[in-house]
Amino acid sequence: MNRNGLIVLQVVGALSILPYPVVLVTNIMSIAAPGHTTASSIPWILLSFYPLVWIGLYIFAWRAMARGNAGLAFGLSSIPALACALAFGVYIFSWIGFGLGMAGIGKGGLHSQTYPDNYLLNSISIATQEVQLPPGPAATMEKALRDIDVNPNLVNISMPGRGSPLNVALMSLVIAVDGTIHGDSQRQQDRIRLVRALVAHGGHLSADEAEDLYKTWVLRRALFDGPITTRSENPLVWRIVTHERADSKPFNALTDPLPPRRDVPAAFRLKADEMPLVNRGTRLHGTPLYAALLDNAADVCSVIIRAGGSLSAEEERDPAAAAALEKVLNVMAV
């Protein structure tokens, strides 16, 4: 009888293994997300190995049962079952809150009553997460947009470890330095709508977030309308953001002792016709120096600065650009 009961208990606990592929993908994306450090990623790393923990608990449970210690065996096997029950309870509670929020019951539903300071952050996080459960991304996005409209007092409420609502929305965008928006087109455009809605209601980055040059530029890209014309505005800037380092001659096996290493970028140098362009700005990517700072290319910054390039007056007032430039100048001074 004890053996049959233990089998039933372990089968219930094993149900928590079923969503493991989704959990693993979510953990990997959380670890790879911008702003995550090694310390903050440890919980996600440990969570990725929970099937091994379950297996270990089951093995020790059967060993305890073989020694006649049924209490210990059931206790060990209860841990996965309790975890499964807890996860199911959280899931049901979340969907009750979501349903009430969709129906407009209460001030944002159950979430806002329990966690009034981060309700909007939760709504935005759900709308921008990669793994979406029913009712799907369209419904959660529309709910987040409506929550922004009815909770303008929360658009600048930051939470430790997550930052401001605008920060959470920007982190969901996948944008290359050349301005290309990657990923599912509809999902990315919906996230841009979210960013614009926050800005329209007075949302902004916190002081610390505003010192992240890439993040402030992603915000600029999200608010940018029309085609990207950087190539025609300033070919030098376009060459920087598309990583076209320099014209290089083909490798000659007879005269060159070793082929060029592919993991080492070619030295950046200005072309003769690019000298007049070192201070010409562009609408999206700014000046050549700003573009080089954005690309975190210290060697390109050095070449531009020595050629007389500088930030525009507007870029100099940008805390993120000023901080990035100071770091480059410190390196050059060494």
C-alpha atoms as a PDB file:
ATOM      1  CA  MET A   1       0.000   0.000   0.000  1.00  0.00           C
ATOM      2  CA  ASN A   2       2.811   2.371   0.884  1.00  0.00           C
ATOM      3  CA  ARG A   3       4.530   1.588  -2.402  1.00  0.00           C
ATOM      4  CA  ASN A   4       1.400   2.360  -4.435  1.00  0.00           C
ATOM      5  CA  GLY A   5       0.861   5.602  -2.552  1.00  0.00           C
ATOM      6  CA  LEU A   6       4.456   6.638  -3.138  1.00  0.00           C
ATOM      7  CA  ILE A   7       4.105   5.941  -6.871  1.00  0.00           C
ATOM      8  CA  VAL A   8       0.952   8.074  -7.083  1.00  0.00           C
ATOM      9  CA  LEU A   9       2.640  10.913  -5.164  1.00  0.00           C
ATOM     10  CA  GLN A  10       5.678  10.826  -7.442  1.00  0.00           C
ATOM     11  CA  VAL A  11       3.518  10.806 -10.578  1.00  0.00           C
ATOM     12  CA  VAL A  12       1.780  13.961  -9.337  1.00  0.00           C
ATOM     13  CA  GLY A  13       5.140  15.613  -8.686  1.00  0.00           C
ATOM     14  CA  ALA A  14       6.419  14.536 -12.105  1.00  0.00           C
ATOM     15  CA  LEU A  15       3.726  16.678 -13.752  1.00  0.00           C
ATOM     16  CA  SER A  16       5.963  19.674 -13.030  1.00  0.00           C
ATOM     17  CA  ILE A  17       8.433  18.291 -15.588  1.00  0.00           C
ATOM     18  CA  LEU A  18       5.956  18.739 -18.466  1.00  0.00           C
ATOM     19  CA  PRO A  19       6.457  22.535 -18.860  1.00  0.00           C
ATOM     20  CA  TYR A  20      10.242  22.170 -18.499  1.00  0.00           C
ATOM     21  CA  PRO A  21      11.050  23.051 -22.167  1.00  0.00           C
ATOM     22  CA  VAL A  22       9.147  26.338 -21.806  1.00  0.00           C
ATOM     23  CA  VAL A  23      10.786  27.020 -18.433  1.00  0.00           C
ATOM     24  CA  LEU A  24      14.245  26.339 -19.873  1.00  0.00           C
ATOM     25  CA  VAL A  25      13.704  28.716 -22.817  1.00  0.00           C
ATOM     26  CA  THR A  26      12.420  31.400 -20.455  1.00  0.00           C
ATOM     27  CA  ASN A  27      15.430  30.938 -18.156  1.00  0.00           C
ATOM     28  CA  ILE A  28      17.884  31.225 -21.046  1.00  0.00           C
ATOM     29  CA  MET A  29      16.221  34.415 -22.282  1.00  0.00           C
ATOM     30  CA  SER A  30      16.225  35.859 -18.764  1.00  0.00           C
ATOM     31  CA  ILE A  31      19.935  35.106 -18.334  1.00  0.00           C
ATOM     32  CA  ALA A  32      20.742  36.630 -21.747  1.00  0.00           C
ATOM     33  CA  ALA A  33      18.635  39.738 -21.165  1.00  0.00           C
ATOM     34  CA  PRO A  34      20.523  43.068 -21.039  1.00  0.00           C
ATOM     35  CA  GLY A  35      21.419  44.191 -17.528  1.00  0.00           C
ATOM     36  CA  HIS A  36      21.675  40.697 -16.027  1.00  0.00           C
ATOM     37  CA  THR A  37      24.804  40.020 -14.026  1.00  0.00           C
ATOM     38  CA  THR A  38      26.297  36.693 -12.973  1.00  0.00           C
ATOM     39  CA  ALA A  39      24.850  37.094  -9.491  1.00  0.00           C
ATOM     40  CA  SER A  40      21.335  37.916 -10.708  1.00  0.00           C
ATOM     41  CA  SER A  41      21.430  34.985 -13.143  1.00  0.00           C
ATOM     42  CA  ILE A  42      22.211  32.345 -10.469  1.00  0.00           C
ATOM     43  CA  PRO A  43      18.526  31.692  -9.545  1.00  0.00           C
ATOM     44  CA  TRP A  44      17.650  31.158 -13.232  1.00  0.00           C
ATOM     45  CA  ILE A  45      20.620  28.812 -13.680  1.00  0.00           C
ATOM     46  CA  LEU A  46      19.660  26.752 -10.619  1.00  0.00           C
ATOM     47  CA  LEU A  47      16.017  26.614 -11.710  1.00  0.00           C
ATOM     48  CA  SER A  48      17.118  25.102 -15.035  1.00  0.00           C
ATOM     49  CA  PHE A  49      18.336  21.980 -13.209  1.00  0.00           C
ATOM     50  CA  TYR A  50      15.202  21.250 -11.184  1.00  0.00           C
ATOM     51  CA  PRO A  51      14.411  17.972 -13.081  1.00  0.00           C
ATOM     52  CA  LEU A  52      17.708  16.579 -11.779  1.00  0.00           C
ATOM     53  CA  VAL A  53      16.722  17.578  -8.246  1.00  0.00           C
ATOM     54  CA  TRP A  54      13.363  15.811  -8.657  1.00  0.00           C
ATOM     55  CA  ILE A  55      15.113  12.639  -9.875  1.00  0.00           C
ATOM     56  CA  GLY A  56      17.504  12.757  -6.918  1.00  0.00           C
ATOM     57  CA  LEU A  57      14.609  13.144  -4.466  1.00  0.00           C
ATOM     58  CA  TYR A  58      12.792  10.177  -5.982  1.00  0.00           C
ATOM     59  CA  ILE A  59      15.888   7.963  -5.836  1.00  0.00           C
ATOM     60  CA  PHE A  60      16.501   8.788  -2.173  1.00  0.00           C
ATOM     61  CA  ALA A  61      12.784   8.279  -1.455  1.00  0.00           C
ATOM     62  CA  TRP A  62      12.861   4.723  -2.779  1.00  0.00           C
ATOM     63  CA  ARG A  63      16.032   3.999  -0.862  1.00  0.00           C
ATOM     64  CA  ALA A  64      14.315   5.222   2.295  1.00  0.00           C
ATOM     65  CA  MET A  65      11.292   3.038   1.480  1.00  0.00           C
ATOM     66  CA  ALA A  66      13.561   0.014   1.032  1.00  0.00           C
ATOM     67  CA  ARG A  67      14.963   0.636   4.520  1.00  0.00           C
ATOM     68  CA  GLY A  68      11.449   0.758   5.946  1.00  0.00           C
ATOM     69  CA  ASN A  69      11.408   4.542   6.488  1.00  0.00           C
ATOM     70  CA  ALA A  70       8.097   5.321   4.764  1.00  0.00           C
ATOM     71  CA  GLY A  71       7.774   8.736   6.421  1.00  0.00           C
ATOM     72  CA  LEU A  72      11.035   9.991   4.936  1.00  0.00           C
ATOM     73  CA  ALA A  73      10.165   8.501   1.542  1.00  0.00           C
ATOM     74  CA  PHE A  74       6.815  10.301   1.439  1.00  0.00           C
ATOM     75  CA  GLY A  75       8.385  13.497   2.738  1.00  0.00           C
ATOM     76  CA  LEU A  76      11.005  13.572  -0.030  1.00  0.00           C
ATOM     77  CA  SER A  77       8.445  12.759  -2.727  1.00  0.00           C
ATOM     78  CA  SER A  78       6.073  15.437  -1.425  1.00  0.00           C
ATOM     79  CA  ILE A  79       8.456  18.273  -2.353  1.00  0.00           C
ATOM     80  CA  PRO A  80       7.888  18.018  -6.143  1.00  0.00           C
ATOM     81  CA  ALA A  81       4.156  17.481  -5.600  1.00  0.00           C
ATOM     82  CA  LEU A  82       3.903  20.571  -3.366  1.00  0.00           C
ATOM     83  CA  ALA A  83       5.914  22.612  -5.885  1.00  0.00           C
ATOM     84  CA  CYS A  84       3.546  21.502  -8.618  1.00  0.00           C
ATOM     85  CA  ALA A  85       0.509  22.435  -6.507  1.00  0.00           C
ATOM     86  CA  LEU A  86       2.030  25.822  -5.660  1.00  0.00           C
ATOM     87  CA  ALA A  87       2.764  26.605  -9.317  1.00  0.00           C
ATOM     88  CA  PHE A  88      -0.788  25.625 -10.263  1.00  0.00           C
ATOM     89  CA  GLY A  89      -2.185  27.865  -7.520  1.00  0.00           C
ATOM     90  CA  VAL A  90      -0.110  30.843  -8.678  1.00  0.00           C
ATOM     91  CA  TYR A  91      -1.234  30.203 -12.257  1.00  0.00           C
ATOM     92  CA  ILE A  92      -4.926  30.150 -11.281  1.00  0.00           C
ATOM     93  CA  PHE A  93      -4.560  33.235  -9.070  1.00  0.00           C
ATOM     94  CA  SER A  94      -2.807  35.140 -11.885  1.00  0.00           C
ATOM     95  CA  TRP A  95      -5.523  34.333 -14.380  1.00  0.00           C
ATOM     96  CA  ILE A  96      -8.256  35.360 -11.937  1.00  0.00           C
ATOM     97  CA  GLY A  97      -6.497  38.721 -11.570  1.00  0.00           C
ATOM     98  CA  PHE A  98      -6.043  38.980 -15.325  1.00  0.00           C
ATOM     99  CA  GLY A  99      -9.720  38.180 -15.957  1.00  0.00           C
ATOM    100  CA  LEU A 100     -10.904  40.777 -13.445  1.00  0.00           C
ATOM    101  CA  GLY A 101      -8.554  43.322 -14.938  1.00  0.00           C
ATOM    102  CA  MET A 102      -9.862  42.613 -18.451  1.00  0.00           C
ATOM    103  CA  ALA A 103     -13.391  43.057 -17.120  1.00  0.00           C
ATOM    104  CA  GLY A 104     -12.425  46.342 -15.468  1.00  0.00           C
ATOM    105  CA  ILE A 105     -13.298  45.142 -11.964  1.00  0.00           C
ATOM    106  CA  GLY A 106     -11.482  47.073  -9.278  1.00  0.00           C
ATOM    107  CA  LYS A 107      -8.444  49.284  -9.761  1.00  0.00           C
ATOM    108  CA  GLY A 108      -6.601  47.003 -12.156  1.00  0.00           C
ATOM    109  CA  GLY A 109      -7.971  43.757 -10.660  1.00  0.00           C
ATOM    110  CA  LEU A 110      -6.348  41.600  -8.001  1.00  0.00           C
ATOM    111  CA  HIS A 111      -2.767  42.502  -8.918  1.00  0.00           C
ATOM    112  CA  SER A 112      -3.199  46.204  -8.243  1.00  0.00           C
ATOM    113  CA  GLN A 113      -4.879  45.530  -4.886  1.00  0.00           C
ATOM    114  CA  THR A 114      -2.044  43.297  -3.717  1.00  0.00           C
ATOM    115  CA  TYR A 115       0.905  45.062  -5.367  1.00  0.00           C
ATOM    116  CA  PRO A 116      -0.265  48.647  -6.068  1.00  0.00           C
ATOM    117  CA  ASP A 117       3.257  49.959  -6.766  1.00  0.00           C
ATOM    118  CA  ASN A 118       4.175  47.558  -9.548  1.00  0.00           C
ATOM    119  CA  TYR A 119       0.849  46.660 -11.157  1.00  0.00           C
ATOM    120  CA  LEU A 120       1.697  48.502 -14.385  1.00  0.00           C
ATOM    121  CA  LEU A 121       5.152  46.928 -14.465  1.00  0.00           C
ATOM    122  CA  ASN A 122       3.557  43.488 -14.171  1.00  0.00           C
ATOM    123  CA  SER A 123       1.160  44.259 -16.980  1.00  0.00           C
ATOM    124  CA  ILE A 124       3.982  45.443 -19.264  1.00  0.00           C
ATOM    125  CA  SER A 125       6.150  42.459 -18.355  1.00  0.00           C
ATOM    126  CA  ILE A 126       3.384  40.026 -19.264  1.00  0.00           C
ATOM    127  CA  ALA A 127       2.710  41.818 -22.544  1.00  0.00           C
ATOM    128  CA  THR A 128       6.377  41.787 -23.601  1.00  0.00           C
ATOM    129  CA  GLN A 129       7.458  38.308 -22.506  1.00  0.00           C
ATOM    130  CA  GLU A 130       8.467  35.907 -25.262  1.00  0.00           C
ATOM    131  CA  VAL A 131       6.521  32.884 -24.026  1.00  0.00           C
ATOM    132  CA  GLN A 132       2.845  33.789 -24.154  1.00  0.00           C
ATOM    133  CA  LEU A 133      -0.032  31.804 -22.668  1.00  0.00           C
ATOM    134  CA  PRO A 134      -3.721  32.198 -23.574  1.00  0.00           C
ATOM    135  CA  PRO A 135      -5.378  34.586 -24.317  1.00  0.00           C
ATOM    136  CA  GLY A 136      -2.237  35.399 -26.324  1.00  0.00           C
ATOM    137  CA  PRO A 137       0.071  38.371 -27.033  1.00  0.00           C
ATOM    138  CA  ALA A 138      -2.553  40.564 -28.709  1.00  0.00           C
ATOM    139  CA  ALA A 139      -4.853  40.521 -25.666  1.00  0.00           C
ATOM    140  CA  THR A 140      -2.078  41.081 -23.124  1.00  0.00           C
ATOM    141  CA  MET A 141      -0.666  43.937 -25.210  1.00  0.00           C
ATOM    142  CA  GLU A 142      -4.038  45.675 -25.450  1.00  0.00           C
ATOM    143  CA  LYS A 143      -4.487  45.267 -21.708  1.00  0.00           C
ATOM    144  CA  ALA A 144      -1.075  46.828 -21.064  1.00  0.00           C
ATOM    145  CA  LEU A 145      -1.901  49.768 -23.335  1.00  0.00           C
ATOM    146  CA  ARG A 146      -5.212  50.280 -21.552  1.00  0.00           C
ATOM    147  CA  ASP A 147      -3.490  50.046 -18.170  1.00  0.00           C
ATOM    148  CA  ILE A 148      -1.127  52.841 -19.212  1.00  0.00           C
ATOM    149  CA  ASP A 149      -4.115  55.014 -20.122  1.00  0.00           C
ATOM    150  CA  VAL A 150      -5.885  54.474 -16.791  1.00  0.00           C
ATOM    151  CA  ASN A 151      -2.758  54.513 -14.577  1.00  0.00           C
ATOM    152  CA  PRO A 152      -0.690  57.525 -15.723  1.00  0.00           C
ATOM    153  CA  ASN A 153       0.498  57.978 -12.130  1.00  0.00           C
ATOM    154  CA  LEU A 154       2.414  54.681 -12.385  1.00  0.00           C
ATOM    155  CA  VAL A 155       4.348  55.260 -15.632  1.00  0.00           C
ATOM    156  CA  ASN A 156       7.452  56.397 -13.736  1.00  0.00           C
ATOM    157  CA  ILE A 157       7.264  54.083 -10.712  1.00  0.00           C
ATOM    158  CA  SER A 158      10.443  51.974 -10.731  1.00  0.00           C
ATOM    159  CA  MET A 159      10.990  48.713  -8.935  1.00  0.00           C
ATOM    160  CA  PRO A 160      14.362  47.295  -7.758  1.00  0.00           C
ATOM    161  CA  GLY A 161      15.757  44.769 -10.189  1.00  0.00           C
ATOM    162  CA  ARG A 162      13.308  45.737 -12.937  1.00  0.00           C
ATOM    163  CA  GLY A 163      13.642  49.482 -13.295  1.00  0.00           C
ATOM    164  CA  SER A 164      11.060  51.796 -14.776  1.00  0.00           C
ATOM    165  CA  PRO A 165       8.115  50.708 -16.963  1.00  0.00           C
ATOM    166  CA  LEU A 166       9.849  52.323 -19.948  1.00  0.00           C
ATOM    167  CA  ASN A 167      12.999  50.348 -19.193  1.00  0.00           C
ATOM    168  CA  VAL A 168      11.048  47.071 -19.160  1.00  0.00           C
ATOM    169  CA  ALA A 169       9.381  47.940 -22.466  1.00  0.00           C
ATOM    170  CA  LEU A 170      12.689  48.905 -24.131  1.00  0.00           C
ATOM    171  CA  MET A 171      14.401  45.707 -22.986  1.00  0.00           C
ATOM    172  CA  SER A 172      11.886  43.705 -25.012  1.00  0.00           C
ATOM    173  CA  LEU A 173      12.974  45.366 -28.285  1.00  0.00           C
ATOM    174  CA  VAL A 174      15.630  43.689 -30.426  1.00  0.00           C
ATOM    175  CA  ILE A 175      17.294  46.447 -32.449  1.00  0.00           C
ATOM    176  CA  ALA A 176      20.691  46.342 -34.138  1.00  0.00           C
ATOM    177  CA  VAL A 177      23.016  49.344 -34.079  1.00  0.00           C
ATOM    178  CA  ASP A 178      22.244  50.040 -37.740  1.00  0.00           C
ATOM    179  CA  GLY A 179      18.579  50.478 -36.776  1.00  0.00           C
ATOM    180  CA  THR A 180      17.285  47.130 -38.029  1.00  0.00           C
ATOM    181  CA  ILE A 181      14.454  45.756 -35.892  1.00  0.00           C
ATOM    182  CA  HIS A 182      14.776  41.993 -35.486  1.00  0.00           C
ATOM    183  CA  GLY A 183      12.262  39.359 -34.456  1.00  0.00           C
ATOM    184  CA  ASP A 184       8.584  38.950 -35.197  1.00  0.00           C
ATOM    185  CA  SER A 185       7.534  42.141 -36.969  1.00  0.00           C
ATOM    186  CA  GLN A 186       4.076  42.389 -35.400  1.00  0.00           C
ATOM    187  CA  ARG A 187       5.352  41.692 -31.879  1.00  0.00           C
ATOM    188  CA  GLN A 188       8.116  44.279 -32.218  1.00  0.00           C
ATOM    189  CA  GLN A 189       5.729  46.907 -33.587  1.00  0.00           C
ATOM    190  CA  ASP A 190       3.341  46.258 -30.702  1.00  0.00           C
ATOM    191  CA  ARG A 191       6.209  46.774 -28.263  1.00  0.00           C
ATOM    192  CA  ILE A 192       7.071  50.031 -29.986  1.00  0.00           C
ATOM    193  CA  ARG A 193       3.430  51.079 -29.499  1.00  0.00           C
ATOM    194  CA  LEU A 194       3.912  50.314 -25.815  1.00  0.00           C
ATOM    195  CA  VAL A 195       7.046  52.488 -25.635  1.00  0.00           C
ATOM    196  CA  ARG A 196       5.298  55.359 -27.407  1.00  0.00           C
ATOM    197  CA  ALA A 197       2.271  55.104 -25.135  1.00  0.00           C
ATOM    198  CA  LEU A 198       4.503  55.367 -22.060  1.00  0.00           C
ATOM    199  CA  VAL A 199       6.326  58.399 -23.482  1.00  0.00           C
ATOM    200  CA  ALA A 200       3.020  60.023 -24.449  1.00  0.00           C
ATOM    201  CA  HIS A 201       1.916  59.725 -20.815  1.00  0.00           C
ATOM    202  CA  GLY A 202       5.133  61.264 -19.509  1.00  0.00           C
ATOM    203  CA  GLY A 203       7.146  58.086 -19.048  1.00  0.00           C
ATOM    204  CA  HIS A 204      10.929  58.402 -18.958  1.00  0.00           C
ATOM    205  CA  LEU A 205      13.997  56.435 -17.946  1.00  0.00           C
ATOM    206  CA  SER A 206      15.348  56.785 -14.429  1.00  0.00           C
ATOM    207  CA  ALA A 207      18.582  58.726 -13.887  1.00  0.00           C
ATOM    208  CA  ASP A 208      20.667  55.530 -13.869  1.00  0.00           C
ATOM    209  CA  GLU A 209      18.930  54.101 -16.927  1.00  0.00           C
ATOM    210  CA  ALA A 210      19.428  57.357 -18.820  1.00  0.00           C
ATOM    211  CA  GLU A 211      23.206  56.832 -18.593  1.00  0.00           C
ATOM    212  CA  ASP A 212      22.978  53.698 -20.748  1.00  0.00           C
ATOM    213  CA  LEU A 213      23.814  54.949 -24.254  1.00  0.00           C
ATOM    214  CA  TYR A 214      22.416  51.961 -26.109  1.00  0.00           C
ATOM    215  CA  LYS A 215      19.167  52.104 -24.136  1.00  0.00           C
ATOM    216  CA  THR A 216      18.653  55.802 -24.808  1.00  0.00           C
ATOM    217  CA  TRP A 217      19.343  55.206 -28.505  1.00  0.00           C
ATOM    218  CA  VAL A 218      16.849  52.317 -28.633  1.00  0.00           C
ATOM    219  CA  LEU A 219      14.320  54.775 -27.236  1.00  0.00           C
ATOM    220  CA  ARG A 220      15.236  57.205 -30.027  1.00  0.00           C
ATOM    221  CA  ARG A 221      14.840  54.400 -32.585  1.00  0.00           C
ATOM    222  CA  ALA A 222      11.444  53.404 -31.165  1.00  0.00           C
ATOM    223  CA  LEU A 223      10.237  56.995 -31.527  1.00  0.00           C
ATOM    224  CA  PHE A 224      11.782  57.424 -34.996  1.00  0.00           C
ATOM    225  CA  ASP A 225       9.393  57.624 -37.948  1.00  0.00           C
ATOM    226  CA  GLY A 226      10.142  57.116 -41.605  1.00  0.00           C
ATOM    227  CA  PRO A 227      12.897  55.248 -43.428  1.00  0.00           C
ATOM    228  CA  ILE A 228      16.470  55.135 -42.150  1.00  0.00           C
ATOM    229  CA  THR A 229      18.460  57.479 -44.398  1.00  0.00           C
ATOM    230  CA  THR A 230      21.769  57.434 -42.536  1.00  0.00           C
ATOM    231  CA  ARG A 231      23.643  56.106 -45.568  1.00  0.00           C
ATOM    232  CA  SER A 232      22.732  59.147 -47.681  1.00  0.00           C
ATOM    233  CA  GLU A 233      22.997  61.640 -44.801  1.00  0.00           C
ATOM    234  CA  ASN A 234      26.525  60.604 -43.866  1.00  0.00           C
ATOM    235  CA  PRO A 235      28.232  57.568 -45.469  1.00  0.00           C
ATOM    236  CA  LEU A 236      30.875  57.622 -42.723  1.00  0.00           C
ATOM    237  CA  VAL A 237      28.298  57.119 -39.990  1.00  0.00           C
ATOM    238  CA  TRP A 238      26.702  54.344 -41.993  1.00  0.00           C
ATOM    239  CA  ARG A 239      30.074  52.648 -42.414  1.00  0.00           C
ATOM    240  CA  ILE A 240      30.574  52.778 -38.644  1.00  0.00           C
ATOM    241  CA  VAL A 241      27.199  51.307 -37.660  1.00  0.00           C
ATOM    242  CA  THR A 242      27.392  48.576 -40.312  1.00  0.00           C
ATOM    243  CA  HIS A 243      30.926  47.624 -39.195  1.00  0.00           C
ATOM    244  CA  GLU A 244      32.587  48.237 -42.523  1.00  0.00           C
ATOM    245  CA  ARG A 245      36.038  48.676 -41.044  1.00  0.00           C
ATOM    246  CA  ALA A 246      38.323  49.387 -43.988  1.00  0.00           C
ATOM    247  CA  ASP A 247      39.246  48.430 -47.517  1.00  0.00           C
ATOM    248  CA  SER A 248      41.482  45.401 -47.214  1.00  0.00           C
ATOM    249  CA  LYS A 249      43.565  43.761 -49.918  1.00  0.00           C
ATOM    250  CA  PRO A 250      43.051  40.043 -50.648  1.00  0.00           C
ATOM    251  CA  PHE A 251      45.388  37.607 -48.896  1.00  0.00           C
ATOM    252  CA  ASN A 252      48.347  36.627 -51.065  1.00  0.00           C
ATOM    253  CA  ALA A 253      49.770  33.241 -50.067  1.00  0.00           C
ATOM    254  CA  LEU A 254      53.073  34.000 -51.802  1.00  0.00           C
ATOM    255  CA  THR A 255      53.864  37.309 -50.140  1.00  0.00           C
ATOM    256  CA  ASP A 256      51.830  37.290 -46.911  1.00  0.00           C
ATOM    257  CA  PRO A 257      53.249  35.019 -44.182  1.00  0.00           C
ATOM    258  CA  LEU A 258      49.921  34.382 -42.431  1.00  0.00           C
ATOM    259  CA  PRO A 259      46.286  34.902 -43.411  1.00  0.00           C
ATOM    260  CA  PRO A 260      44.422  37.610 -41.463  1.00  0.00           C
ATOM    261  CA  ARG A 261      42.683  36.350 -38.350  1.00  0.00           C
ATOM    262  CA  ARG A 262      38.922  36.504 -38.714  1.00  0.00           C
ATOM    263  CA  ASP A 263      38.388  37.107 -35.010  1.00  0.00           C
ATOM    264  CA  VAL A 264      40.417  40.332 -35.100  1.00  0.00           C
ATOM    265  CA  PRO A 265      38.669  43.250 -36.839  1.00  0.00           C
ATOM    266  CA  ALA A 266      40.585  45.193 -39.428  1.00  0.00           C
ATOM    267  CA  ALA A 267      41.991  48.540 -38.335  1.00  0.00           C
ATOM    268  CA  PHE A 268      39.585  51.402 -38.893  1.00  0.00           C
ATOM    269  CA  ARG A 269      40.881  54.270 -40.957  1.00  0.00           C
ATOM    270  CA  LEU A 270      39.291  57.299 -42.559  1.00  0.00           C
ATOM    271  CA  LYS A 271      39.146  57.560 -46.306  1.00  0.00           C
ATOM    272  CA  ALA A 272      40.252  60.784 -47.963  1.00  0.00           C
ATOM    273  CA  ASP A 273      36.730  61.811 -48.957  1.00  0.00           C
ATOM    274  CA  GLU A 274      35.432  61.184 -45.424  1.00  0.00           C
ATOM    275  CA  MET A 275      37.402  63.946 -43.710  1.00  0.00           C
ATOM    276  CA  PRO A 276      34.654  66.555 -44.324  1.00  0.00           C
ATOM    277  CA  LEU A 277      32.120  64.168 -42.739  1.00  0.00           C
ATOM    278  CA  VAL A 278      33.645  63.748 -39.271  1.00  0.00           C
ATOM    279  CA  ASN A 279      31.243  66.289 -37.714  1.00  0.00           C
ATOM    280  CA  ARG A 280      28.198  65.859 -39.943  1.00  0.00           C
ATOM    281  CA  GLY A 281      25.228  64.603 -37.966  1.00  0.00           C
ATOM    282  CA  THR A 282      22.412  62.274 -38.971  1.00  0.00           C
ATOM    283  CA  ARG A 283      18.818  62.132 -37.768  1.00  0.00           C
ATOM    284  CA  LEU A 284      18.935  58.672 -36.243  1.00  0.00           C
ATOM    285  CA  HIS A 285      22.587  57.866 -35.579  1.00  0.00           C
ATOM    286  CA  GLY A 286      23.885  61.338 -34.764  1.00  0.00           C
ATOM    287  CA  THR A 287      27.490  62.303 -35.465  1.00  0.00           C
ATOM    288  CA  PRO A 288      30.254  59.841 -36.390  1.00  0.00           C
ATOM    289  CA  LEU A 289      31.651  60.058 -32.854  1.00  0.00           C
ATOM    290  CA  TYR A 290      28.226  59.336 -31.330  1.00  0.00           C
ATOM    291  CA  ALA A 291      27.789  56.366 -33.680  1.00  0.00           C
ATOM    292  CA  ALA A 292      31.204  54.998 -32.691  1.00  0.00           C
ATOM    293  CA  LEU A 293      30.354  55.398 -28.990  1.00  0.00           C
ATOM    294  CA  LEU A 294      27.036  53.664 -29.584  1.00  0.00           C
ATOM    295  CA  ASP A 295      28.857  50.766 -31.240  1.00  0.00           C
ATOM    296  CA  ASN A 296      31.281  50.652 -28.287  1.00  0.00           C
ATOM    297  CA  ALA A 297      34.157  50.878 -30.773  1.00  0.00           C
ATOM    298  CA  ALA A 298      36.939  52.654 -28.867  1.00  0.00           C
ATOM    299  CA  ASP A 299      39.393  52.374 -31.761  1.00  0.00           C
ATOM    300  CA  VAL A 300      36.956  54.076 -34.147  1.00  0.00           C
ATOM    301  CA  CYS A 301      36.321  56.796 -31.544  1.00  0.00           C
ATOM    302  CA  SER A 302      40.057  57.393 -31.328  1.00  0.00           C
ATOM    303  CA  VAL A 303      40.376  57.805 -35.097  1.00  0.00           C
ATOM    304  CA  ILE A 304      37.392  60.185 -35.254  1.00  0.00           C
ATOM    305  CA  ILE A 305      38.617  62.303 -32.331  1.00  0.00           C
ATOM    306  CA  ARG A 306      42.132  62.629 -33.748  1.00  0.00           C
ATOM    307  CA  ALA A 307      40.603  63.727 -37.041  1.00  0.00           C
ATOM    308  CA  GLY A 308      38.794  66.577 -35.262  1.00  0.00           C
ATOM    309  CA  GLY A 309      35.443  64.851 -34.748  1.00  0.00           C
ATOM    310  CA  SER A 310      33.320  65.713 -31.726  1.00  0.00           C
ATOM    311  CA  LEU A 311      29.815  65.339 -30.376  1.00  0.00           C
ATOM    312  CA  SER A 312      27.143  67.815 -31.381  1.00  0.00           C
ATOM    313  CA  ALA A 313      25.915  70.311 -28.804  1.00  0.00           C
ATOM    314  CA  GLU A 314      22.786  68.234 -28.243  1.00  0.00           C
ATOM    315  CA  GLU A 315      24.805  65.040 -27.824  1.00  0.00           C
ATOM    316  CA  GLU A 316      27.096  66.711 -25.305  1.00  0.00           C
ATOM    317  CA  ARG A 317      24.032  67.403 -23.161  1.00  0.00           C
ATOM    318  CA  ASP A 318      23.109  63.716 -23.252  1.00  0.00           C
ATOM    319  CA  PRO A 319      24.352  62.143 -19.961  1.00  0.00           C
ATOM    320  CA  ALA A 320      24.824  58.747 -21.611  1.00  0.00           C
ATOM    321  CA  ALA A 321      26.885  60.096 -24.511  1.00  0.00           C
ATOM    322  CA  ALA A 322      28.953  62.306 -22.219  1.00  0.00           C
ATOM    323  CA  ALA A 323      29.699  59.369 -19.886  1.00  0.00           C
ATOM    324  CA  ALA A 324      30.657  57.105 -22.797  1.00  0.00           C
ATOM    325  CA  LEU A 325      32.959  59.744 -24.252  1.00  0.00           C
ATOM    326  CA  GLU A 326      34.660  60.294 -20.896  1.00  0.00           C
ATOM    327  CA  LYS A 327      35.490  56.577 -20.699  1.00  0.00           C
ATOM    328  CA  VAL A 328      37.031  56.645 -24.183  1.00  0.00           C
ATOM    329  CA  LEU A 329      39.081  59.762 -23.387  1.00  0.00           C
ATOM    330  CA  ASN A 330      40.372  58.131 -20.201  1.00  0.00           C
ATOM    331  CA  VAL A 331      41.517  55.107 -22.197  1.00  0.00           C
ATOM    332  CA  MET A 332      43.208  57.323 -24.793  1.00  0.00           C
ATOM    333  CA  ALA A 333      45.021  59.252 -22.059  1.00  0.00           C
ATOM    334  CA  VAL A 334      46.639  56.114 -20.652  1.00  0.00           C
END
